[in-house]
Protein backbone atom coordinates (compact mmCIF):
# COMPACT_ATOMS: atom_id res chain seq x y z
CA MET A 1 24.86 -3.84 19.90
CA ARG A 2 22.35 -6.87 20.45
CA ARG A 3 19.95 -5.71 18.30
CA GLN A 4 23.17 -5.02 15.54
CA LEU A 5 23.49 -8.67 15.90
CA GLY A 6 19.75 -9.46 15.48
CA LYS A 7 19.87 -7.57 12.94
CA LEU A 8 22.61 -9.51 10.66
CA THR A 9 21.42 -12.72 12.17
CA ALA A 10 17.40 -11.45 10.90
CA PHE A 11 19.11 -10.28 6.95
CA ARG A 12 21.30 -13.50 6.63
CA ALA A 13 18.19 -15.63 7.37
CA ASP A 14 16.19 -13.72 4.62
CA PHE A 15 18.74 -13.66 2.17
CA THR A 16 18.93 -17.47 2.77
CA ALA A 17 15.20 -17.64 2.40
CA SER A 18 15.02 -15.18 -0.74
CA VAL A 19 17.70 -17.90 -2.51
CA VAL A 20 15.46 -20.98 -1.77
CA VAL A 21 12.07 -18.74 -2.98
CA PHE A 22 14.28 -17.50 -5.99
CA LEU A 23 15.11 -21.09 -7.44
CA VAL A 24 11.49 -22.10 -6.55
CA ALA A 25 10.27 -19.63 -8.74
CA VAL A 26 12.25 -19.52 -11.27
CA PRO A 27 10.66 -22.82 -12.96
CA LEU A 28 6.95 -21.91 -11.76
CA CYS A 29 7.18 -18.09 -13.27
CA VAL A 30 8.28 -19.93 -16.65
CA GLY A 31 5.89 -22.71 -16.73
CA VAL A 32 2.04 -20.45 -15.71
CA ALA A 33 4.38 -18.00 -18.67
CA VAL A 34 3.94 -20.96 -21.22
CA ALA A 35 1.16 -22.13 -20.05
CA SER A 36 -0.51 -19.49 -20.50
CA GLY A 37 0.64 -18.28 -24.08
CA VAL A 38 1.75 -15.47 -23.01
CA PRO A 39 6.20 -15.62 -24.07
CA ALA A 40 8.27 -17.43 -20.80
CA GLU A 41 10.13 -13.88 -20.18
CA LEU A 42 6.27 -12.78 -19.12
CA GLY A 43 6.07 -15.12 -16.17
CA LEU A 44 9.40 -13.83 -14.70
CA VAL A 45 8.13 -10.14 -15.86
CA THR A 46 5.15 -10.85 -12.92
CA GLY A 47 7.74 -12.42 -10.46
CA ILE A 48 10.25 -9.40 -9.71
CA VAL A 49 7.49 -7.01 -10.11
CA GLY A 50 5.64 -8.68 -6.97
CA GLY A 51 9.53 -9.39 -5.27
CA LEU A 52 10.50 -5.84 -5.88
CA LEU A 53 7.51 -3.42 -5.76
CA THR A 54 4.57 -5.56 -3.48
CA GLY A 55 6.93 -6.83 -1.50
CA LEU A 56 8.66 -4.33 -0.41
CA LEU A 57 4.59 -2.68 0.65
CA PRO A 58 2.62 -3.01 3.58
CA GLY A 59 0.25 -6.46 3.60
CA SER A 60 1.61 -9.76 4.17
CA SER A 61 5.14 -9.78 5.69
CA LEU A 62 6.44 -12.90 4.59
CA GLN A 63 3.96 -14.12 1.40
CA VAL A 64 5.54 -14.49 -1.47
CA SER A 65 3.64 -12.94 -5.20
CA GLY A 66 4.16 -14.31 -8.63
CA PRO A 67 2.28 -15.46 -11.35
CA ALA A 68 0.37 -17.94 -10.04
CA ALA A 69 -1.03 -21.09 -12.10
CA GLY A 70 -3.96 -20.31 -10.22
CA LEU A 71 -5.36 -18.03 -13.32
CA THR A 72 -3.75 -19.64 -16.00
CA VAL A 73 -6.99 -20.63 -17.24
CA LEU A 74 -8.56 -17.55 -17.08
CA VAL A 75 -5.38 -15.62 -19.19
CA PHE A 76 -4.88 -18.28 -21.38
CA GLU A 77 -8.50 -17.67 -22.71
CA ALA A 78 -8.05 -14.21 -22.21
CA VAL A 79 -5.07 -14.32 -24.51
CA ASN A 80 -7.00 -16.16 -27.14
CA GLU A 81 -10.28 -13.97 -26.76
CA TYR A 82 -8.68 -10.69 -27.14
CA GLY A 83 -5.11 -11.56 -27.79
CA ILE A 84 -1.78 -10.72 -25.72
CA GLY A 85 -2.03 -7.29 -26.06
CA ALA A 86 -5.08 -6.54 -24.87
CA LEU A 87 -3.57 -7.96 -21.87
CA GLY A 88 -2.05 -5.87 -19.95
CA ALA A 89 -5.18 -3.57 -20.39
CA LEU A 90 -6.78 -6.26 -18.23
CA VAL A 91 -3.87 -6.42 -15.84
CA LEU A 92 -3.96 -3.38 -15.38
CA ALA A 93 -7.73 -2.49 -15.01
CA ALA A 94 -7.43 -5.75 -12.36
CA GLY A 95 -4.73 -3.76 -10.19
CA ALA A 96 -6.58 -0.44 -10.51
CA LEU A 97 -9.62 -2.61 -8.78
CA GLN A 98 -7.82 -4.34 -6.30
CA LEU A 99 -6.63 -0.95 -5.19
CA ALA A 100 -10.11 0.49 -5.38
CA MET A 101 -11.56 -2.38 -2.98
CA GLY A 102 -8.47 -1.84 -0.25
CA ALA A 103 -9.39 1.83 -0.27
CA LEU A 104 -13.12 0.38 0.37
CA ARG A 105 -11.64 -1.42 3.04
CA LEU A 106 -12.87 -4.58 1.43
CA GLY A 107 -10.52 -7.19 1.76
CA ARG A 108 -11.91 -8.46 5.16
CA TRP A 109 -14.90 -8.97 3.34
CA PHE A 110 -13.52 -11.81 1.17
CA ARG A 111 -12.96 -13.57 4.33
CA ALA A 112 -16.37 -14.17 4.06
CA ILE A 113 -16.58 -16.39 0.79
CA SER A 114 -17.12 -19.67 0.87
CA VAL A 115 -14.63 -21.81 0.99
CA ALA A 116 -16.53 -24.52 -0.69
CA VAL A 117 -16.67 -21.95 -2.76
CA VAL A 118 -12.70 -21.47 -3.52
CA GLN A 119 -12.10 -24.82 -2.92
CA GLY A 120 -14.38 -25.87 -5.34
CA MET A 121 -12.24 -22.66 -7.97
CA LEU A 122 -9.24 -23.67 -7.52
CA ALA A 123 -10.46 -27.60 -8.10
CA GLY A 124 -11.93 -26.17 -11.13
CA ILE A 125 -8.45 -25.17 -12.01
CA GLY A 126 -6.82 -27.92 -10.95
CA LEU A 127 -9.06 -30.10 -13.49
CA VAL A 128 -8.56 -27.43 -16.71
CA LEU A 129 -4.85 -26.60 -16.37
CA ILE A 130 -4.12 -30.97 -15.59
CA ALA A 131 -6.01 -31.61 -18.97
CA GLY A 132 -4.48 -28.89 -20.95
CA GLN A 133 -0.95 -29.59 -19.93
CA LEU A 134 -1.14 -33.15 -21.17
CA TYR A 135 -0.96 -32.41 -24.14
CA ALA A 136 1.65 -30.18 -23.72
CA LEU A 137 3.42 -33.36 -22.48
CA THR A 138 3.44 -34.68 -25.62
CA ASP A 139 4.81 -32.03 -27.83
CA ALA A 140 1.07 -31.43 -28.28
CA GLU A 141 -1.48 -28.75 -29.00
CA ALA A 142 -4.92 -29.04 -26.87
CA PRO A 143 -7.26 -28.01 -28.43
CA GLY A 144 -8.64 -25.04 -26.16
CA SER A 145 -12.11 -24.81 -23.44
CA GLY A 146 -10.86 -27.67 -20.94
CA LEU A 147 -14.29 -30.16 -22.22
CA ALA A 148 -12.52 -30.26 -25.14
CA ASN A 149 -9.19 -31.16 -23.84
CA LEU A 150 -11.15 -33.67 -22.06
CA GLY A 151 -12.87 -34.84 -24.39
CA ALA A 152 -10.35 -34.90 -27.12
CA LEU A 153 -8.32 -37.20 -23.94
CA PRO A 154 -8.48 -40.77 -26.32
CA GLY A 155 -7.46 -39.53 -29.96
CA LEU A 156 -4.29 -38.05 -27.62
CA VAL A 157 -3.48 -41.41 -25.93
CA ALA A 158 -3.37 -42.85 -29.41
CA ALA A 159 -1.80 -39.79 -31.26
CA THR A 160 0.55 -40.74 -28.20
CA ALA A 161 1.30 -44.35 -28.75
CA GLY A 162 1.80 -43.39 -33.08
CA SER A 163 4.71 -41.23 -32.50
CA GLY A 164 8.38 -41.68 -31.18
CA ALA A 165 8.92 -37.86 -30.08
CA ALA A 166 5.38 -37.48 -27.95
CA LEU A 167 6.68 -41.31 -26.34
CA THR A 168 9.86 -38.65 -25.81
CA ALA A 169 8.54 -36.01 -24.59
CA LEU A 170 6.16 -38.04 -22.57
CA ALA A 171 8.74 -39.41 -21.36
CA ILE A 172 10.37 -36.15 -20.47
CA GLY A 173 7.14 -35.06 -18.42
CA ALA A 174 6.57 -38.24 -16.56
CA THR A 175 10.22 -37.95 -14.90
CA THR A 176 10.03 -34.47 -13.67
CA ILE A 177 6.30 -35.41 -12.18
CA ALA A 178 8.10 -38.47 -10.69
CA VAL A 179 10.95 -36.39 -9.70
CA LEU A 180 8.48 -33.80 -8.24
CA VAL A 181 6.83 -36.25 -6.11
CA LEU A 182 10.04 -38.15 -4.79
CA TRP A 183 12.14 -34.83 -4.59
CA PRO A 184 10.71 -34.11 -0.74
CA ARG A 185 11.03 -37.70 0.59
CA TRP A 186 15.31 -37.58 0.40
CA LYS A 187 15.86 -35.37 2.78
CA ARG A 188 19.40 -35.01 1.90
CA ALA A 189 18.22 -33.26 -0.96
CA ARG A 190 15.84 -31.43 0.22
CA ILE A 191 18.54 -27.97 0.15
CA LEU A 192 17.29 -27.90 -3.64
CA PRO A 193 13.79 -27.52 -4.31
CA ALA A 194 11.81 -30.35 -6.07
CA PRO A 195 10.78 -28.23 -9.11
CA LEU A 196 13.67 -26.36 -10.14
CA ALA A 197 15.31 -30.14 -9.09
CA ALA A 198 12.88 -31.82 -11.66
CA VAL A 199 14.13 -29.07 -14.64
CA ALA A 200 16.72 -29.30 -14.28
CA LEU A 201 17.81 -32.98 -14.55
CA ALA A 202 15.17 -32.49 -17.27
CA THR A 203 17.06 -30.08 -18.99
CA ALA A 204 20.12 -32.26 -18.44
CA ALA A 205 18.89 -35.32 -19.85
CA VAL A 206 17.41 -33.29 -23.18
CA TRP A 207 20.77 -31.05 -23.63
CA THR A 208 22.90 -34.80 -22.85
CA LEU A 209 21.38 -36.84 -25.33
CA ASP A 210 19.79 -34.05 -27.43
CA LEU A 211 16.38 -35.37 -27.41
CA PRO A 212 13.57 -34.22 -30.10
CA VAL A 213 11.29 -32.18 -28.03
CA ALA A 214 10.49 -29.09 -28.21
CA ARG A 215 11.97 -26.36 -26.34
CA VAL A 216 10.83 -22.97 -24.20
CA GLU A 217 11.14 -20.14 -26.79
CA VAL A 218 13.17 -17.49 -25.74
CA SER A 219 12.64 -13.46 -27.41
CA GLY A 220 14.62 -11.65 -24.75
CA LEU A 221 13.16 -9.55 -21.91
CA LEU A 222 12.78 -6.22 -23.16
CA GLU A 223 10.90 -7.25 -26.58
CA ALA A 224 8.79 -9.79 -24.67
CA ILE A 225 7.07 -6.26 -22.89
CA GLN A 226 4.40 -5.01 -24.31
CA PRO A 227 2.72 -1.89 -23.14
CA PRO A 228 -1.30 -1.73 -23.66
CA GLY A 229 -1.58 0.93 -26.17
CA LEU A 230 -4.64 3.41 -26.34
CA ALA A 231 -6.66 0.36 -28.48
CA ASP A 232 -6.15 -1.92 -26.53
CA LEU A 233 -7.01 0.47 -23.39
CA GLY A 234 -10.18 1.38 -25.34
CA ARG A 235 -11.77 -2.35 -25.26
CA LEU A 236 -12.41 -2.24 -21.64
CA THR A 237 -15.69 -1.25 -22.77
CA GLU A 238 -16.67 -4.16 -23.45
CA ILE A 239 -18.46 -6.57 -21.84
CA GLY A 240 -16.90 -9.58 -22.29
CA VAL A 241 -13.67 -8.13 -21.22
CA ILE A 242 -14.81 -5.68 -18.40
CA GLY A 243 -15.66 -9.88 -17.37
CA THR A 244 -12.58 -10.96 -17.39
CA VAL A 245 -11.50 -7.42 -15.39
CA LEU A 246 -13.76 -8.65 -12.45
CA ALA A 247 -12.67 -11.86 -12.53
CA PHE A 248 -9.23 -11.21 -12.71
CA ALA A 249 -9.11 -8.64 -9.74
CA LEU A 250 -12.14 -10.58 -7.58
CA ILE A 251 -9.85 -14.88 -8.32
CA ALA A 252 -6.67 -12.81 -7.87
CA SER A 253 -8.10 -11.43 -4.87
CA ALA A 254 -9.33 -14.63 -2.92
CA GLU A 255 -6.51 -16.91 -4.01
CA SER A 256 -4.04 -14.07 -1.92
CA LEU A 257 -6.17 -13.67 0.53
CA PHE A 258 -6.83 -16.65 1.79
CA SER A 259 -3.22 -17.42 0.60
CA ALA A 260 -2.27 -14.95 3.68
CA ALA A 261 -4.66 -16.24 6.43
CA ALA A 262 -2.86 -19.76 5.56
CA VAL A 263 0.81 -18.30 5.22
CA ASP A 264 0.27 -16.56 9.06
CA ARG A 265 -0.18 -19.89 10.13
CA LEU A 266 3.10 -21.19 9.54
CA HIS A 267 5.15 -18.28 11.48
CA ASP A 268 4.86 -16.34 14.31
CA GLY A 269 5.12 -12.86 13.18
CA PRO A 270 2.54 -10.05 11.84
CA ARG A 271 -0.04 -10.93 11.07
CA THR A 272 -2.18 -10.10 8.14
CA ASP A 273 -3.85 -6.48 7.10
CA TYR A 274 -6.26 -7.62 4.53
CA ASP A 275 -7.15 -4.12 2.88
CA LYS A 276 -3.66 -3.59 3.16
CA GLU A 277 -2.79 -6.56 1.73
CA LEU A 278 -5.48 -6.09 -1.55
CA MET A 279 -3.86 -2.05 -2.01
CA ALA A 280 -0.41 -4.01 -2.64
CA GLN A 281 -2.14 -6.12 -5.14
CA GLY A 282 -3.20 -4.04 -7.14
CA ALA A 283 -0.56 -1.82 -6.92
CA GLY A 284 1.37 -5.04 -8.28
CA ASN A 285 -1.10 -6.23 -11.14
CA ALA A 286 -1.37 -1.95 -11.98
CA VAL A 287 2.60 -2.61 -12.92
CA CYS A 288 2.30 -5.97 -14.06
CA GLY A 289 -0.79 -4.73 -16.72
CA LEU A 290 1.92 -1.20 -17.34
CA LEU A 291 4.39 -3.97 -19.05
CA GLY A 292 2.07 -6.34 -20.21
CA ALA A 293 2.37 -8.96 -17.51
CA LEU A 294 0.90 -11.82 -16.39
CA PRO A 295 -1.46 -11.18 -12.94
CA MET A 296 0.54 -11.94 -9.78
CA THR A 297 -1.46 -13.95 -7.09
CA ALA A 298 0.04 -14.53 -3.78
CA VAL A 299 1.40 -17.93 -4.24
CA ILE A 300 1.76 -19.87 -0.95
CA VAL A 301 4.17 -22.35 -2.57
CA ARG A 302 6.44 -19.82 -2.83
CA SER A 303 5.15 -18.58 0.69
CA ALA A 304 5.60 -21.70 2.47
CA ALA A 305 8.67 -21.72 1.19
CA ASN A 306 9.58 -18.56 2.25
CA VAL A 307 8.66 -19.45 6.38
CA GLN A 308 10.01 -22.70 5.97
CA ALA A 309 13.36 -21.35 4.77
CA GLY A 310 13.85 -19.16 8.03
CA ALA A 311 12.76 -15.60 6.79
CA ARG A 312 12.27 -12.66 9.13
CA THR A 313 10.79 -9.92 7.20
CA LYS A 314 10.22 -8.66 4.16
CA VAL A 315 13.43 -8.19 2.87
CA SER A 316 13.28 -12.06 1.45
CA ARG A 317 10.59 -11.31 -0.90
CA VAL A 318 12.41 -8.38 -2.24
CA LEU A 319 15.85 -9.76 -2.56
CA HIS A 320 14.19 -12.81 -5.05
CA GLY A 321 12.94 -10.11 -6.78
CA GLY A 322 16.34 -8.86 -7.52
CA TRP A 323 17.41 -12.56 -8.12
CA LEU A 324 14.65 -12.89 -10.91
CA LEU A 325 15.39 -9.68 -12.15
CA LEU A 326 19.42 -10.12 -11.97
CA PHE A 327 18.38 -14.10 -13.62
CA ALA A 328 16.15 -12.74 -16.32
CA ALA A 329 18.72 -9.36 -17.30
CA ALA A 330 21.93 -11.92 -17.64
CA PHE A 331 21.10 -15.39 -18.54
CA PRO A 332 17.49 -15.71 -20.35
CA ALA A 333 19.13 -17.70 -23.58
CA ALA A 334 18.96 -20.04 -20.26
CA LEU A 335 15.32 -20.69 -21.00
CA GLY A 336 16.18 -21.57 -24.55
CA VAL A 337 17.40 -25.14 -23.30
CA VAL A 338 14.64 -25.54 -20.97
CA PRO A 339 11.83 -28.68 -22.48
CA VAL A 340 8.25 -28.09 -22.48
CA ALA A 341 7.14 -31.11 -21.56
CA ALA A 342 9.36 -30.53 -18.08
CA LEU A 343 6.78 -27.50 -17.70
CA ALA A 344 3.89 -29.14 -18.33
CA GLY A 345 5.06 -31.95 -15.56
CA VAL A 346 5.46 -28.66 -13.14
CA LEU A 347 1.94 -27.96 -13.82
CA VAL A 348 0.55 -30.87 -13.85
CA HIS A 349 1.82 -32.22 -11.01
CA ALA A 350 0.41 -28.33 -9.59
CA GLY A 351 -2.82 -28.64 -11.30
CA TRP A 352 -3.36 -32.00 -9.11
CA LYS A 353 -1.66 -30.44 -5.50
CA LEU A 354 -5.00 -28.09 -6.40
CA LEU A 355 -7.52 -30.77 -5.97
CA PRO A 356 -9.10 -31.17 -2.10
CA LEU A 357 -8.93 -34.92 -3.15
CA ARG A 358 -8.08 -35.27 1.17
CA GLU A 359 -10.43 -33.07 2.08
CA LEU A 360 -13.81 -34.17 0.05
CA ARG A 361 -14.48 -37.90 2.12
CA PRO A 362 -14.97 -36.16 5.36
CA LEU A 363 -16.54 -32.76 4.25
CA TRP A 364 -18.43 -34.68 2.20
CA ARG A 365 -19.92 -36.71 5.75
CA GLU A 366 -20.12 -34.02 7.78
CA HIS A 367 -21.12 -31.14 5.47
CA ARG A 368 -22.76 -32.68 2.72
CA GLY A 369 -23.55 -29.70 1.33
CA GLU A 370 -20.62 -27.23 1.31
CA ALA A 371 -19.04 -30.43 -0.72
CA VAL A 372 -21.86 -30.59 -3.33
CA VAL A 373 -21.35 -26.63 -4.08
CA LEU A 374 -17.58 -27.67 -4.13
CA LEU A 375 -18.00 -29.99 -6.34
CA VAL A 376 -20.72 -27.81 -8.88
CA THR A 377 -17.82 -24.91 -9.06
CA ALA A 378 -15.39 -27.62 -9.79
CA LEU A 379 -17.65 -28.83 -12.81
CA ALA A 380 -19.25 -25.64 -13.82
CA ILE A 381 -15.52 -24.19 -14.20
CA VAL A 382 -14.47 -27.50 -16.40
CA THR A 383 -17.61 -27.68 -18.45
CA VAL A 384 -18.70 -23.33 -19.08
CA ASN A 385 -15.83 -21.31 -18.02
CA MET A 386 -14.07 -19.81 -15.15
CA PHE A 387 -15.79 -16.56 -14.32
CA GLU A 388 -19.00 -18.24 -14.57
CA GLY A 389 -18.50 -20.87 -13.02
CA VAL A 390 -17.54 -19.34 -10.05
CA LEU A 391 -20.76 -17.14 -10.19
CA ILE A 392 -22.32 -20.11 -10.26
CA GLY A 393 -20.90 -22.35 -7.76
CA LEU A 394 -21.21 -18.90 -5.35
CA LEU A 395 -25.21 -19.13 -6.53
CA VAL A 396 -25.17 -22.67 -5.35
CA ALA A 397 -23.67 -21.07 -1.71
CA VAL A 398 -26.24 -19.26 -1.19
CA ALA A 399 -29.14 -20.76 -1.97
CA LYS A 400 -27.94 -24.08 0.35
CA THR A 401 -27.81 -20.36 3.11
CA ALA A 402 -30.96 -19.75 2.30
CA TRP A 403 -32.29 -23.65 2.16
CA GLU A 404 -30.51 -24.33 5.18
CA THR A 405 -31.71 -20.91 6.85
CA TRP A 406 -35.43 -21.60 5.67
CA HIS A 407 -35.04 -25.46 6.38
CA VAL A 408 -36.97 -27.02 9.74
CA HIS A 409 -38.25 -30.29 10.79
CA LEU A 410 -39.05 -32.21 13.61
CA GLU A 411 -38.00 -35.66 15.03
CA MET A 412 -40.79 -38.13 17.34
CA ASP A 413 -39.89 -40.29 19.86
CA ASP A 414 -42.95 -42.88 20.47
CA PRO A 415 -45.87 -41.06 18.53
CA GLN A 416 -47.98 -43.98 18.87
CA GLY A 417 -46.84 -45.79 22.35
CA ALA A 418 -49.01 -44.57 25.46
CA GLY A 419 -45.91 -42.41 26.49
CA PRO A 420 -45.95 -38.56 26.14
CA VAL A 421 -44.27 -37.40 22.77
CA VAL A 422 -40.74 -36.26 22.41
CA VAL A 423 -40.53 -33.84 19.70
CA ARG A 424 -37.46 -32.73 18.80
CA VAL A 425 -37.96 -28.93 16.95
CA LEU A 426 -34.58 -29.34 14.33
CA GLY A 427 -33.07 -26.20 12.01
CA ASN A 428 -33.85 -22.22 12.26
CA ALA A 429 -37.52 -21.76 13.40
CA THR A 430 -38.71 -18.54 11.52
CA PHE A 431 -41.94 -16.90 10.25
CA LEU A 432 -41.64 -18.68 7.23
CA ARG A 433 -41.85 -22.22 8.74
CA LEU A 434 -44.10 -21.25 11.01
CA PRO A 435 -47.52 -22.77 9.37
CA ARG A 436 -45.28 -26.23 8.11
CA LEU A 437 -44.44 -26.51 12.00
CA LEU A 438 -47.88 -25.80 12.94
CA ASP A 439 -49.54 -27.96 10.92
CA GLN A 440 -47.27 -30.96 12.39
CA LEU A 441 -47.89 -30.46 15.99
CA GLU A 442 -51.79 -30.00 15.06
CA ALA A 443 -51.60 -33.31 13.37
CA LEU A 444 -50.30 -35.48 17.06
CA PRO A 445 -52.78 -36.44 18.78
CA PRO A 446 -54.79 -34.19 21.47
CA ASP A 447 -54.80 -36.45 24.12
CA ARG A 448 -50.61 -37.20 25.22
CA ASP A 449 -48.78 -35.37 26.61
CA VAL A 450 -45.64 -33.51 24.40
CA ASP A 451 -42.51 -33.23 25.79
CA LEU A 452 -41.26 -29.90 22.75
CA ASP A 453 -37.60 -29.48 22.96
CA LEU A 454 -35.97 -26.45 21.11
CA SER A 455 -32.03 -27.40 21.61
CA GLY A 456 -31.67 -28.08 18.34
CA LEU A 457 -32.25 -24.91 16.87
CA ARG A 458 -29.57 -22.73 15.31
CA HIS A 459 -32.15 -19.61 15.57
CA LEU A 460 -35.32 -19.39 16.68
CA ASP A 461 -36.95 -15.39 16.01
CA HIS A 462 -39.63 -14.08 18.42
CA ALA A 463 -43.11 -14.64 16.03
CA CYS A 464 -42.13 -18.77 16.03
CA GLY A 465 -40.73 -19.37 19.50
CA THR A 466 -44.25 -17.35 20.91
CA ALA A 467 -45.91 -19.05 18.24
CA LEU A 468 -44.84 -22.47 19.77
CA ALA A 469 -45.41 -21.87 22.66
CA ASN A 470 -48.82 -20.55 22.19
CA TRP A 471 -49.05 -24.27 20.06
CA ALA A 472 -47.88 -25.81 23.82
CA GLU A 473 -50.48 -24.34 26.48
CA GLN A 474 -52.68 -24.73 23.86
CA HIS A 475 -52.52 -28.87 23.24
CA ARG A 476 -52.10 -28.73 27.18
CA ARG A 477 -55.82 -27.90 27.89
CA SER A 478 -56.71 -29.35 24.73
CA ARG A 479 -54.95 -32.89 26.97
CA ASP A 480 -56.49 -31.99 30.10
CA ARG A 481 -59.74 -31.43 28.38
CA SER A 482 -60.19 -34.51 27.73
CA ALA A 483 -58.85 -36.20 30.57
CA GLU A 484 -61.00 -34.83 32.36
CA LEU A 485 -64.01 -35.64 29.71
CA VAL A 486 -62.89 -39.02 30.46
CA SER A 487 -63.10 -39.22 34.24
């Protein structure tokens, strides 16, 4: 009896949580799709697959998958370069790669990626996302790449100031952002997720006042689904396409597994099996690819909402996929009244939250090298592109680690006085730096006592340890001989 009551209680909690996650997911799924340059329905398709398929698979019990703002920029670039027909092939190949990585038990290795690179990647995505969506806030078309979007902002300001329609759209988008910021501070309103409230209020205002702003274009769920053809699959041999597939797979995997680590800290339930979760994400992306939909990742916003709403098991995320399917099948026309500027406001807010503004200052004070890696990664993504920007970030992180491994230096107290010279050796003492280290030590006065302090070393290899011990012994003998000659 107690077991049955426990199951009933858990189901009630999961049911309630699924409704909350569904309400959070709808505006995000639609907004990510529109920002990616694909039909809005494809965002819902990815959310449905993330709930009904990935939600059933083992890995992480409470995190929720769907289209994420983190891949918006990359998808937009891929659709522009290869066409929407090739999107399914790209996502299918990325899913197959994730399945292979999970089967080879590579999931745990994603935890070894520098956190600074991941934060820089998200910051770069956030900057590019904000730069692109500022145009959508005014119903204008973005020039293209992140750098081009940033460079054309002065022209956007001038064009908006001279257009009544653009100012109207901007007012809708800015109000949406204001609601997103202020809504969570109103305790009585927290039962309704902020993204849904913001988009619903903007939609109601546009519909009631019949404002002249762009609305989401609706084509129908079945019409939006475009499975990849043989010609699209044949393009997977192209070098550029292979790079995009790798970017999809690696970035989606890293974002999902970092999200899993964050979600695990929010609850006391079972911990994530990273290899199984990677395979679950791969299976979901493979199916999304077959349907020609957006790539999926685990999404921290939806996952946190799921945990905070009291979810107990994976039932909540599966049910949320069912609600998305019901909405997409029964109420597709509802999307046609949603203003594009409101969705742009949601994504500008999401992009802003990707910027690690609070973490940057303490990171600069305590670990300046990590802060440099973060900034270089973010700037590389803005100025070049997503894939190459992440590679640049990884190379800088490796270079930083190599420098720290290579770097060793001496600190001396009172080298000019009459007492003993205290020499502290700091860093990583290896045979590679031994010649420079010995040169500095041998430059010390031979007639002075030297206290060699090795406690500040993070690493001391055998060759360096032996050489330092030999130098200390030789210096002691030299000092003793000098003392005998003086006496």
